[in-house]
């Protein structure tokens, strides 16, 4: 989804579900912490505003975005959690490293979600530069952490209906 003309933090469509019955884990990359901490804070604030109790939000940290996949899997295996939000930021550099990391993380998070039949949300920014990351971590394009939290709540409701 392009975010050039849209603030991603403005929920559209259906109402944001109440999360009072859920426990949500947030796995945060320690790489690019200025960005990932802003994403984390946006996710926490959104979960709290939508009924998730503070004691039911579990925060874990991993060294970088590549490790989000295992962090998400450990949250599914070891924690009594209903959904996992994976937050990271991989900024394009001069080498193909960016492509390999982004592809591995996207596929890994999808695979963890399917393996554990739980919402495991991809909240990883993949910008070309730091300004684009800042714009999506509380700047002019909203906060991807907010969007990830809303997605987790909506997917939990979908799972419950299923």
N, C-alpha and C. Protein backbone atom coordinates (compact mmCIF):
# COMPACT_ATOMS: atom_id res chain seq x y z
N UNK A 1 0.85 -1.16 0.00
CA UNK A 1 0.00 0.00 0.00
C UNK A 1 0.89 1.23 0.00
N UNK A 2 0.63 2.11 -0.89
CA UNK A 2 1.37 3.36 -0.94
C UNK A 2 0.88 4.29 0.16
N UNK A 3 1.81 5.00 0.77
CA UNK A 3 1.42 5.88 1.86
C UNK A 3 1.70 7.35 1.55
N UNK A 4 1.97 7.67 0.30
CA UNK A 4 2.31 9.04 -0.05
C UNK A 4 1.21 10.01 0.32
N UNK A 5 -0.03 9.67 0.06
CA UNK A 5 -1.14 10.57 0.32
C UNK A 5 -2.04 10.10 1.45
N UNK A 6 -1.49 9.32 2.36
CA UNK A 6 -2.32 8.73 3.38
C UNK A 6 -1.56 8.63 4.70
N UNK A 7 -2.24 8.93 5.77
CA UNK A 7 -1.70 8.72 7.10
C UNK A 7 -2.12 7.33 7.52
N UNK A 8 -1.17 6.42 7.62
CA UNK A 8 -1.47 5.02 7.88
C UNK A 8 -2.08 4.78 9.26
N UNK A 9 -1.96 5.74 10.15
CA UNK A 9 -2.47 5.57 11.50
C UNK A 9 -3.96 5.86 11.63
N UNK A 10 -4.57 6.32 10.57
CA UNK A 10 -6.01 6.58 10.58
C UNK A 10 -6.73 5.32 10.12
N UNK A 11 -7.34 4.63 11.06
CA UNK A 11 -8.03 3.37 10.75
C UNK A 11 -9.23 3.64 9.86
N UNK A 12 -9.32 2.88 8.79
CA UNK A 12 -10.46 3.00 7.89
C UNK A 12 -11.25 1.70 7.91
N UNK A 13 -12.43 1.77 7.39
CA UNK A 13 -13.24 0.56 7.30
C UNK A 13 -13.89 0.23 8.62
N UNK A 14 -13.81 -1.02 9.00
CA UNK A 14 -14.50 -1.47 10.20
C UNK A 14 -13.89 -0.86 11.46
N UNK A 15 -14.70 -0.83 12.48
CA UNK A 15 -14.30 -0.29 13.79
C UNK A 15 -13.14 -1.10 14.36
N UNK A 16 -12.31 -0.45 15.14
CA UNK A 16 -11.21 -1.15 15.81
C UNK A 16 -11.80 -2.01 16.92
N UNK A 17 -11.52 -3.30 16.92
CA UNK A 17 -12.08 -4.18 17.94
C UNK A 17 -11.52 -3.91 19.34
N UNK A 18 -12.30 -4.28 20.34
CA UNK A 18 -11.87 -4.20 21.72
C UNK A 18 -10.95 -5.38 22.01
N UNK A 19 -9.81 -5.11 22.61
CA UNK A 19 -8.83 -6.16 22.87
C UNK A 19 -8.79 -6.65 24.30
N UNK A 20 -9.85 -6.41 25.07
CA UNK A 20 -9.85 -6.73 26.50
C UNK A 20 -9.60 -8.21 26.79
N UNK A 21 -9.95 -9.08 25.87
CA UNK A 21 -9.81 -10.51 26.11
C UNK A 21 -8.48 -11.09 25.63
N UNK A 22 -7.57 -10.25 25.17
CA UNK A 22 -6.37 -10.74 24.49
C UNK A 22 -5.08 -10.38 25.19
N UNK A 23 -4.09 -11.24 24.96
CA UNK A 23 -2.70 -10.97 25.31
C UNK A 23 -1.93 -10.82 24.01
N UNK A 24 -1.15 -9.75 23.90
CA UNK A 24 -0.41 -9.46 22.68
C UNK A 24 1.06 -9.30 23.01
N UNK A 25 1.90 -10.00 22.27
CA UNK A 25 3.35 -9.85 22.39
C UNK A 25 3.84 -8.90 21.31
N UNK A 26 4.77 -8.06 21.68
CA UNK A 26 5.40 -7.16 20.71
C UNK A 26 6.89 -7.48 20.72
N UNK A 27 7.41 -7.86 19.56
CA UNK A 27 8.83 -8.16 19.42
C UNK A 27 9.45 -7.00 18.66
N UNK A 28 10.46 -6.38 19.26
CA UNK A 28 11.03 -5.14 18.73
C UNK A 28 12.51 -5.33 18.40
N UNK A 29 12.89 -4.92 17.21
CA UNK A 29 14.29 -4.93 16.80
C UNK A 29 15.04 -3.81 17.51
N UNK A 30 16.25 -4.11 17.98
CA UNK A 30 17.09 -3.10 18.61
C UNK A 30 17.94 -2.34 17.60
N UNK A 31 17.82 -2.66 16.34
CA UNK A 31 18.54 -1.93 15.29
C UNK A 31 17.67 -0.77 14.84
N UNK A 32 18.22 0.41 14.69
CA UNK A 32 17.46 1.63 14.37
C UNK A 32 16.46 1.95 15.48
N UNK A 33 16.95 1.98 16.72
CA UNK A 33 16.06 2.11 17.88
C UNK A 33 15.24 3.40 17.89
N UNK A 34 15.75 4.47 17.32
CA UNK A 34 14.94 5.69 17.27
C UNK A 34 13.61 5.40 16.58
N UNK A 35 13.66 4.61 15.54
CA UNK A 35 12.47 4.26 14.77
C UNK A 35 11.69 3.16 15.46
N UNK A 36 12.37 2.08 15.83
CA UNK A 36 11.63 0.92 16.38
C UNK A 36 11.00 1.23 17.73
N UNK A 37 11.63 2.07 18.53
CA UNK A 37 11.00 2.46 19.80
C UNK A 37 9.75 3.30 19.56
N UNK A 38 9.76 4.14 18.53
CA UNK A 38 8.57 4.92 18.19
C UNK A 38 7.45 3.99 17.70
N UNK A 39 7.81 2.98 16.93
CA UNK A 39 6.82 2.00 16.48
C UNK A 39 6.24 1.25 17.68
N UNK A 40 7.11 0.82 18.58
CA UNK A 40 6.68 0.13 19.81
C UNK A 40 5.72 0.98 20.62
N UNK A 41 6.09 2.23 20.82
CA UNK A 41 5.25 3.12 21.62
C UNK A 41 3.88 3.32 20.97
N UNK A 42 3.85 3.45 19.64
CA UNK A 42 2.58 3.58 18.94
C UNK A 42 1.71 2.34 19.08
N UNK A 43 2.34 1.17 19.00
CA UNK A 43 1.60 -0.08 19.14
C UNK A 43 1.04 -0.22 20.56
N UNK A 44 1.86 0.05 21.56
CA UNK A 44 1.40 -0.07 22.94
C UNK A 44 0.24 0.89 23.20
N UNK A 45 0.39 2.13 22.80
CA UNK A 45 -0.66 3.13 23.02
C UNK A 45 -1.97 2.69 22.37
N UNK A 46 -1.89 2.18 21.16
CA UNK A 46 -3.09 1.74 20.44
C UNK A 46 -3.74 0.54 21.12
N UNK A 47 -2.94 -0.42 21.56
CA UNK A 47 -3.49 -1.58 22.25
C UNK A 47 -4.19 -1.15 23.55
N UNK A 48 -3.54 -0.29 24.32
CA UNK A 48 -4.14 0.19 25.57
C UNK A 48 -5.44 0.96 25.31
N UNK A 49 -5.43 1.82 24.30
CA UNK A 49 -6.63 2.61 23.97
C UNK A 49 -7.79 1.74 23.50
N UNK A 50 -7.48 0.52 23.08
CA UNK A 50 -8.51 -0.37 22.57
C UNK A 50 -8.73 -1.59 23.46
N UNK A 51 -8.48 -1.42 24.76
CA UNK A 51 -8.91 -2.39 25.74
C UNK A 51 -7.93 -3.44 26.20
N UNK A 52 -6.77 -3.57 25.55
CA UNK A 52 -5.80 -4.55 26.02
C UNK A 52 -5.20 -4.02 27.32
N UNK A 53 -5.21 -4.85 28.34
CA UNK A 53 -4.68 -4.44 29.63
C UNK A 53 -3.15 -4.43 29.58
N UNK A 54 -2.57 -3.47 30.29
CA UNK A 54 -1.11 -3.32 30.29
C UNK A 54 -0.41 -4.62 30.65
N UNK A 55 -0.96 -5.35 31.60
CA UNK A 55 -0.34 -6.63 32.02
C UNK A 55 -0.42 -7.70 30.93
N UNK A 56 -1.25 -7.47 29.92
CA UNK A 56 -1.40 -8.43 28.82
C UNK A 56 -0.64 -8.01 27.56
N UNK A 57 0.27 -7.07 27.72
CA UNK A 57 1.16 -6.67 26.63
C UNK A 57 2.57 -7.07 27.05
N UNK A 58 3.17 -7.98 26.28
CA UNK A 58 4.49 -8.52 26.61
C UNK A 58 5.48 -8.01 25.56
N UNK A 59 6.52 -7.33 26.00
CA UNK A 59 7.52 -6.76 25.10
C UNK A 59 8.79 -7.60 25.15
N UNK A 60 9.31 -7.95 23.98
CA UNK A 60 10.59 -8.65 23.86
C UNK A 60 11.45 -7.91 22.85
N UNK A 61 12.75 -8.00 23.01
CA UNK A 61 13.68 -7.32 22.10
C UNK A 61 14.60 -8.34 21.44
N UNK A 62 14.89 -8.10 20.19
CA UNK A 62 15.84 -8.92 19.43
C UNK A 62 16.88 -7.97 18.82
N UNK A 63 18.07 -8.48 18.49
CA UNK A 63 19.14 -7.60 18.00
C UNK A 63 18.81 -6.82 16.73
N UNK A 64 18.18 -7.47 15.77
CA UNK A 64 17.90 -6.81 14.50
C UNK A 64 16.63 -7.35 13.88
N UNK A 65 16.28 -6.83 12.72
CA UNK A 65 15.04 -7.26 12.06
C UNK A 65 15.09 -8.73 11.63
N UNK A 66 16.27 -9.21 11.24
CA UNK A 66 16.39 -10.61 10.83
C UNK A 66 15.95 -11.54 11.96
N UNK A 67 16.19 -11.15 13.19
CA UNK A 67 15.86 -11.99 14.35
C UNK A 67 14.40 -11.90 14.77
N UNK A 68 13.63 -11.05 14.13
CA UNK A 68 12.20 -10.94 14.45
C UNK A 68 11.46 -12.26 14.24
N UNK A 69 11.86 -13.01 13.24
CA UNK A 69 11.19 -14.28 12.96
C UNK A 69 11.31 -15.24 14.14
N UNK A 70 12.51 -15.45 14.63
CA UNK A 70 12.68 -16.34 15.78
C UNK A 70 12.04 -15.73 17.02
N UNK A 71 12.17 -14.43 17.18
CA UNK A 71 11.51 -13.77 18.31
C UNK A 71 10.01 -13.99 18.29
N UNK A 72 9.41 -13.89 17.11
CA UNK A 72 7.97 -14.15 16.97
C UNK A 72 7.63 -15.60 17.26
N UNK A 73 8.47 -16.51 16.78
CA UNK A 73 8.24 -17.93 17.04
C UNK A 73 8.34 -18.25 18.52
N UNK A 74 9.34 -17.69 19.19
CA UNK A 74 9.48 -17.92 20.64
C UNK A 74 8.30 -17.35 21.40
N UNK A 75 7.79 -16.20 20.96
CA UNK A 75 6.60 -15.64 21.61
C UNK A 75 5.41 -16.58 21.45
N UNK A 76 5.26 -17.18 20.29
CA UNK A 76 4.17 -18.13 20.06
C UNK A 76 4.34 -19.39 20.90
N UNK A 77 5.56 -19.87 21.00
CA UNK A 77 5.83 -21.12 21.71
C UNK A 77 5.84 -20.97 23.22
N UNK A 78 6.50 -19.94 23.72
CA UNK A 78 6.82 -19.84 25.14
C UNK A 78 5.88 -18.94 25.94
N UNK A 79 5.23 -18.02 25.27
CA UNK A 79 4.38 -17.06 25.97
C UNK A 79 2.92 -17.39 25.70
N UNK A 80 2.09 -17.15 26.65
CA UNK A 80 0.65 -17.35 26.46
C UNK A 80 0.10 -16.12 25.76
N UNK A 81 0.31 -16.05 24.46
CA UNK A 81 -0.04 -14.85 23.70
C UNK A 81 -1.03 -15.20 22.59
N UNK A 82 -1.93 -14.28 22.32
CA UNK A 82 -2.91 -14.49 21.26
C UNK A 82 -2.42 -13.99 19.91
N UNK A 83 -1.59 -12.95 19.92
CA UNK A 83 -1.05 -12.38 18.69
C UNK A 83 0.34 -11.84 18.97
N UNK A 84 1.13 -11.72 17.91
CA UNK A 84 2.47 -11.19 18.00
C UNK A 84 2.61 -10.07 16.98
N UNK A 85 3.17 -8.96 17.41
CA UNK A 85 3.47 -7.85 16.51
C UNK A 85 4.99 -7.75 16.41
N UNK A 86 5.52 -7.89 15.21
CA UNK A 86 6.96 -7.80 14.98
C UNK A 86 7.28 -6.42 14.40
N UNK A 87 8.14 -5.67 15.07
CA UNK A 87 8.46 -4.31 14.67
C UNK A 87 9.94 -4.15 14.39
N UNK A 88 10.26 -3.63 13.21
CA UNK A 88 11.65 -3.41 12.84
C UNK A 88 11.76 -2.35 11.77
N UNK A 89 13.00 -2.07 11.39
CA UNK A 89 13.26 -1.08 10.35
C UNK A 89 14.55 -1.46 9.63
N UNK A 90 14.44 -1.72 8.34
CA UNK A 90 15.60 -2.03 7.51
C UNK A 90 15.70 -0.92 6.47
N UNK A 91 16.75 -0.13 6.53
CA UNK A 91 16.92 1.00 5.62
C UNK A 91 17.81 0.59 4.45
N UNK A 92 17.36 0.90 3.25
CA UNK A 92 18.10 0.55 2.03
C UNK A 92 19.53 1.09 2.12
N UNK A 93 20.47 0.27 1.78
CA UNK A 93 21.87 0.69 1.73
C UNK A 93 22.41 0.54 0.32
N UNK A 94 23.70 0.45 0.21
CA UNK A 94 24.34 0.37 -1.10
C UNK A 94 24.50 -1.06 -1.60
N UNK A 95 24.18 -2.05 -0.77
CA UNK A 95 24.36 -3.44 -1.18
C UNK A 95 23.02 -4.16 -1.22
N UNK A 96 23.04 -5.38 -1.67
CA UNK A 96 21.83 -6.19 -1.77
C UNK A 96 21.41 -6.77 -0.41
N UNK A 97 22.16 -6.52 0.62
CA UNK A 97 21.85 -6.99 1.97
C UNK A 97 20.39 -6.67 2.33
N UNK A 98 19.95 -5.47 2.01
CA UNK A 98 18.59 -5.01 2.26
C UNK A 98 17.57 -6.00 1.70
N UNK A 99 17.75 -6.39 0.43
CA UNK A 99 16.80 -7.29 -0.23
C UNK A 99 16.73 -8.64 0.47
N UNK A 100 17.89 -9.18 0.83
CA UNK A 100 17.91 -10.48 1.49
C UNK A 100 17.24 -10.44 2.86
N UNK A 101 17.54 -9.41 3.63
CA UNK A 101 16.95 -9.29 4.97
C UNK A 101 15.44 -9.11 4.87
N UNK A 102 14.99 -8.18 4.05
CA UNK A 102 13.55 -7.91 3.94
C UNK A 102 12.79 -9.15 3.48
N UNK A 103 13.31 -9.84 2.49
CA UNK A 103 12.64 -11.04 1.99
C UNK A 103 12.58 -12.13 3.06
N UNK A 104 13.70 -12.35 3.75
CA UNK A 104 13.75 -13.38 4.79
C UNK A 104 12.77 -13.06 5.92
N UNK A 105 12.73 -11.81 6.34
CA UNK A 105 11.86 -11.44 7.46
C UNK A 105 10.39 -11.55 7.06
N UNK A 106 10.03 -11.07 5.88
CA UNK A 106 8.64 -11.16 5.43
C UNK A 106 8.19 -12.61 5.34
N UNK A 107 9.00 -13.44 4.72
CA UNK A 107 8.64 -14.86 4.61
C UNK A 107 8.64 -15.55 5.96
N UNK A 108 9.61 -15.24 6.79
CA UNK A 108 9.70 -15.86 8.11
C UNK A 108 8.50 -15.53 8.99
N UNK A 109 8.10 -14.28 9.01
CA UNK A 109 6.95 -13.89 9.83
C UNK A 109 5.68 -14.55 9.32
N UNK A 110 5.51 -14.60 8.01
CA UNK A 110 4.35 -15.30 7.44
C UNK A 110 4.35 -16.77 7.85
N UNK A 111 5.49 -17.41 7.76
CA UNK A 111 5.58 -18.83 8.11
C UNK A 111 5.28 -19.08 9.59
N UNK A 112 5.74 -18.20 10.47
CA UNK A 112 5.44 -18.36 11.90
C UNK A 112 3.94 -18.23 12.14
N UNK A 113 3.32 -17.27 11.49
CA UNK A 113 1.88 -17.08 11.64
C UNK A 113 1.12 -18.33 11.22
N UNK A 114 1.49 -18.89 10.10
CA UNK A 114 0.80 -20.09 9.60
C UNK A 114 1.10 -21.31 10.46
N UNK A 115 2.34 -21.44 10.92
CA UNK A 115 2.73 -22.59 11.74
C UNK A 115 1.96 -22.63 13.06
N UNK A 116 1.75 -21.47 13.67
CA UNK A 116 1.11 -21.42 14.99
C UNK A 116 -0.36 -21.01 14.92
N UNK A 117 -0.86 -20.76 13.72
CA UNK A 117 -2.26 -20.36 13.53
C UNK A 117 -2.63 -19.18 14.43
N UNK A 118 -1.72 -18.21 14.46
CA UNK A 118 -1.92 -16.99 15.25
C UNK A 118 -1.55 -15.80 14.38
N UNK A 119 -2.18 -14.67 14.63
CA UNK A 119 -1.75 -13.46 13.93
C UNK A 119 -0.33 -13.09 14.37
N UNK A 120 0.58 -13.07 13.41
CA UNK A 120 1.94 -12.59 13.63
C UNK A 120 2.11 -11.48 12.60
N UNK A 121 2.14 -10.26 13.08
CA UNK A 121 2.00 -9.09 12.23
C UNK A 121 3.35 -8.53 11.80
N UNK A 122 3.46 -8.24 10.51
CA UNK A 122 4.67 -7.67 9.90
C UNK A 122 4.61 -6.15 10.05
N UNK A 123 5.30 -5.64 11.03
CA UNK A 123 5.39 -4.19 11.26
C UNK A 123 6.81 -3.72 11.02
N UNK A 124 7.35 -4.08 9.87
CA UNK A 124 8.74 -3.76 9.55
C UNK A 124 8.77 -2.71 8.45
N UNK A 125 9.40 -1.59 8.75
CA UNK A 125 9.57 -0.56 7.73
C UNK A 125 10.72 -0.93 6.81
N UNK A 126 10.56 -0.64 5.53
CA UNK A 126 11.60 -0.93 4.54
C UNK A 126 11.85 0.32 3.68
N UNK A 127 12.22 1.43 4.31
CA UNK A 127 12.37 2.69 3.60
C UNK A 127 13.71 2.80 2.86
N UNK A 128 13.77 3.79 1.98
CA UNK A 128 15.01 4.07 1.27
C UNK A 128 15.99 4.87 2.11
N UNK A 129 15.47 5.61 3.11
CA UNK A 129 16.36 6.47 3.90
C UNK A 129 15.73 6.74 5.27
N UNK A 130 16.50 7.38 6.13
CA UNK A 130 16.04 7.64 7.49
C UNK A 130 14.83 8.57 7.52
N UNK A 131 14.77 9.54 6.63
CA UNK A 131 13.63 10.46 6.61
C UNK A 131 12.33 9.71 6.34
N UNK A 132 12.35 8.79 5.39
CA UNK A 132 11.16 7.99 5.11
C UNK A 132 10.77 7.15 6.33
N UNK A 133 11.76 6.63 7.04
CA UNK A 133 11.48 5.85 8.26
C UNK A 133 10.82 6.74 9.31
N UNK A 134 11.37 7.92 9.52
CA UNK A 134 10.81 8.85 10.51
C UNK A 134 9.39 9.26 10.13
N UNK A 135 9.14 9.44 8.83
CA UNK A 135 7.80 9.81 8.37
C UNK A 135 6.77 8.73 8.69
N UNK A 136 7.22 7.47 8.84
CA UNK A 136 6.32 6.35 9.08
C UNK A 136 6.37 5.84 10.53
N UNK A 137 7.14 6.51 11.34
CA UNK A 137 7.26 6.14 12.76
C UNK A 137 6.82 7.30 13.65
N UNK A 138 5.70 7.90 13.26
CA UNK A 138 5.16 9.01 14.02
C UNK A 138 5.22 10.33 13.28
N UNK A 139 5.72 10.33 12.06
CA UNK A 139 5.82 11.55 11.26
C UNK A 139 4.60 11.77 10.40
N UNK A 140 4.81 12.38 9.26
CA UNK A 140 3.70 12.81 8.41
C UNK A 140 2.88 11.66 7.82
N UNK A 141 3.41 10.46 7.82
CA UNK A 141 2.65 9.31 7.32
C UNK A 141 2.13 8.43 8.45
N UNK A 142 2.08 8.96 9.66
CA UNK A 142 1.53 8.21 10.78
C UNK A 142 2.57 7.33 11.45
N UNK A 143 2.10 6.26 12.04
CA UNK A 143 2.97 5.36 12.79
C UNK A 143 2.59 3.92 12.44
N UNK A 144 3.50 3.24 11.80
CA UNK A 144 3.27 1.85 11.39
C UNK A 144 3.01 0.94 12.60
N UNK A 145 3.51 1.31 13.77
CA UNK A 145 3.22 0.54 14.99
C UNK A 145 1.75 0.59 15.34
N UNK A 146 1.12 1.74 15.15
CA UNK A 146 -0.32 1.88 15.35
C UNK A 146 -1.05 0.96 14.38
N UNK A 147 -0.66 1.02 13.12
CA UNK A 147 -1.30 0.18 12.10
C UNK A 147 -1.14 -1.31 12.43
N UNK A 148 0.05 -1.70 12.90
CA UNK A 148 0.29 -3.10 13.24
C UNK A 148 -0.60 -3.54 14.41
N UNK A 149 -0.79 -2.68 15.39
CA UNK A 149 -1.64 -3.02 16.53
C UNK A 149 -3.10 -3.17 16.10
N UNK A 150 -3.56 -2.27 15.25
CA UNK A 150 -4.93 -2.37 14.74
C UNK A 150 -5.10 -3.66 13.93
N UNK A 151 -4.11 -3.97 13.13
CA UNK A 151 -4.15 -5.21 12.33
C UNK A 151 -4.24 -6.43 13.24
N UNK A 152 -3.44 -6.44 14.31
CA UNK A 152 -3.47 -7.58 15.24
C UNK A 152 -4.86 -7.75 15.84
N UNK A 153 -5.46 -6.67 16.29
CA UNK A 153 -6.80 -6.74 16.89
C UNK A 153 -7.83 -7.23 15.88
N UNK A 154 -7.76 -6.73 14.67
CA UNK A 154 -8.72 -7.15 13.64
C UNK A 154 -8.54 -8.63 13.28
N UNK A 155 -7.30 -9.08 13.22
CA UNK A 155 -7.05 -10.49 12.91
C UNK A 155 -7.47 -11.41 14.04
N UNK A 156 -7.35 -10.95 15.29
CA UNK A 156 -7.81 -11.75 16.42
C UNK A 156 -9.32 -11.96 16.35
N UNK A 157 -10.05 -10.91 16.00
CA UNK A 157 -11.51 -11.04 15.85
C UNK A 157 -11.84 -12.00 14.71
N UNK A 158 -11.13 -11.87 13.59
CA UNK A 158 -11.35 -12.78 12.47
C UNK A 158 -11.10 -14.22 12.87
N UNK A 159 -10.00 -14.44 13.60
CA UNK A 159 -9.69 -15.81 14.05
C UNK A 159 -10.78 -16.36 14.96
N UNK A 160 -11.26 -15.53 15.87
CA UNK A 160 -12.30 -15.96 16.81
C UNK A 160 -13.58 -16.35 16.05
N UNK A 161 -13.91 -15.61 15.00
CA UNK A 161 -15.11 -15.91 14.21
C UNK A 161 -14.97 -17.21 13.44
N UNK A 162 -13.71 -17.48 13.01
CA UNK A 162 -13.43 -18.62 12.13
C UNK A 162 -13.66 -19.92 12.77
